[in-house]
Protein backbone atom coordinates (compact mmCIF):
# COMPACT_ATOMS: atom_id res chain seq x y z
CA MET A 1 8.33 -0.23 -5.86
CA PRO A 2 8.43 0.37 -2.12
CA THR A 3 8.85 -2.51 0.29
CA LEU A 4 6.11 -2.51 2.91
CA ARG A 5 7.74 -2.55 6.32
CA LYS A 6 6.04 -2.94 9.69
CA PRO A 7 4.82 0.51 10.83
CA PRO A 8 5.07 1.50 14.50
CA ASP A 9 2.26 0.00 16.62
CA VAL A 10 1.94 -3.06 14.37
CA THR A 11 2.44 -6.06 16.64
CA LEU A 12 3.53 -8.41 13.88
CA GLN A 13 3.81 -8.42 10.11
CA LYS A 14 3.21 -12.11 9.45
CA SER A 15 3.95 -12.28 5.75
CA HIS A 16 5.40 -10.16 3.04
CA GLY A 17 5.96 -10.67 -0.64
CA THR A 18 6.10 -9.16 -4.09
CA GLY A 19 5.11 -10.32 -7.54
CA GLY A 20 3.84 -9.23 -10.89
CA SER A 21 4.63 -9.17 -14.55
CA SER A 22 5.56 -6.66 -17.23
CA GLU A 23 2.01 -5.28 -16.84
CA TYR A 24 1.95 -4.66 -13.07
CA ARG A 25 3.81 -5.08 -9.78
CA VAL A 26 2.34 -5.90 -6.38
CA THR A 27 3.67 -6.01 -2.84
CA TYR A 28 1.65 -7.33 0.07
CA ALA A 29 1.75 -8.04 3.80
CA THR A 30 -0.46 -9.27 6.62
CA ALA A 31 -0.39 -7.06 9.70
CA VAL A 32 -1.51 -7.98 13.22
CA THR A 33 -2.48 -4.79 15.03
CA ALA A 34 -5.07 -3.01 17.13
CA LEU A 35 -4.65 0.12 15.00
CA SER A 36 -7.71 1.45 13.24
CA LEU A 37 -7.87 0.91 9.48
CA GLY A 38 -7.19 4.60 8.89
CA ASN A 39 -4.12 4.67 11.12
CA LEU A 40 -2.78 1.46 9.59
CA LEU A 41 -3.33 2.84 6.08
CA ARG A 42 -1.47 6.02 7.08
CA GLY A 43 1.45 3.95 8.43
CA TYR A 44 1.91 2.22 5.08
CA ALA A 45 0.98 5.28 2.95
CA GLU A 46 3.78 7.25 4.61
CA GLN A 47 6.25 4.64 3.34
CA VAL A 48 4.86 4.91 -0.20
CA GLN A 49 5.12 8.72 -0.10
CA ASN A 50 8.67 8.53 1.28
CA ALA A 51 9.51 6.40 -1.79
CA GLY A 52 8.54 9.35 -4.01
CA TRP A 53 4.90 8.62 -4.82
CA ASN A 54 2.34 11.47 -4.92
CA ALA A 55 -0.69 10.69 -2.75
CA TYR A 56 -4.39 11.34 -3.34
CA PRO A 57 -6.97 11.51 -0.53
CA ALA A 58 -7.72 8.26 1.26
CA THR A 59 -11.13 6.61 1.56
CA ILE A 60 -11.73 4.82 4.86
CA GLY A 61 -14.72 2.56 5.42
CA ASP A 62 -15.88 0.12 8.06
CA PHE A 63 -14.03 -2.90 6.62
CA GLY A 64 -11.33 -1.41 4.42
CA ALA A 65 -9.33 1.65 3.46
CA VAL A 66 -7.75 2.67 0.15
CA GLN A 67 -5.50 5.40 -1.18
CA SER A 68 -4.32 6.15 -4.73
CA PHE A 69 -0.81 7.21 -5.74
CA GLU A 70 1.04 8.34 -8.88
CA MET A 71 4.71 8.62 -9.78
CA PRO A 72 6.80 9.28 -12.89
CA ASP A 73 9.95 7.16 -13.05
CA SER A 74 13.44 8.09 -14.28
CA HIS A 75 12.67 6.64 -17.74
CA GLY A 76 9.71 8.94 -18.36
CA HIS A 77 7.07 6.30 -17.61
CA HIS A 78 4.12 7.27 -15.46
CA TRP A 79 2.90 4.79 -12.81
CA ARG A 80 -0.33 4.59 -10.82
CA GLY A 81 -0.79 2.66 -7.61
CA LEU A 82 -3.46 1.66 -5.14
CA LEU A 83 -2.78 0.92 -1.48
CA ALA A 84 -5.51 -1.12 0.22
CA VAL A 85 -5.96 -2.31 3.79
CA VAL A 86 -8.70 -4.87 4.42
CA ASP A 87 -9.95 -5.85 7.87
CA SER A 88 -10.08 -9.62 8.28
CA GLY A 89 -10.41 -9.85 12.05
CA ALA A 90 -7.17 -9.78 14.04
CA ASP A 91 -5.21 -9.64 10.79
CA ARG A 92 -5.25 -6.85 8.24
CA ALA A 93 -4.40 -7.62 4.63
CA VAL A 94 -2.26 -4.87 3.07
CA LEU A 95 -1.73 -4.62 -0.69
CA PHE A 96 0.04 -2.09 -2.89
CA ARG A 97 -0.47 -2.68 -6.61
CA VAL A 98 1.06 -0.51 -9.35
CA HIS A 99 0.71 -0.43 -13.11
CA PRO A 100 1.79 1.86 -15.94
CA ALA A 101 -0.65 4.69 -16.67
CA VAL A 102 -2.49 4.20 -19.93
CA PRO A 103 -1.72 7.09 -22.32
């Protein structure tokens, strides 16, 4: 599970945390930035890819952006993840949620 770190051009990452259960894991942050949603998504998606996740094409809308990821782990489990960036004014909510792939 990658830790979401402040990408370049993000003024401030106000909060950060992780959580979950045996069914899923989630990491989140709140970013303060003038970056577009697409550029902010790319800044976090690059971190996910550098952690070994395979990326699928992103979808970028007026108020949010999402990108899907997959990764097999060293124990033979297959994981799927979704990275989302939501515009909430000056702040941008960033969430990366992963869960095991259903066979």
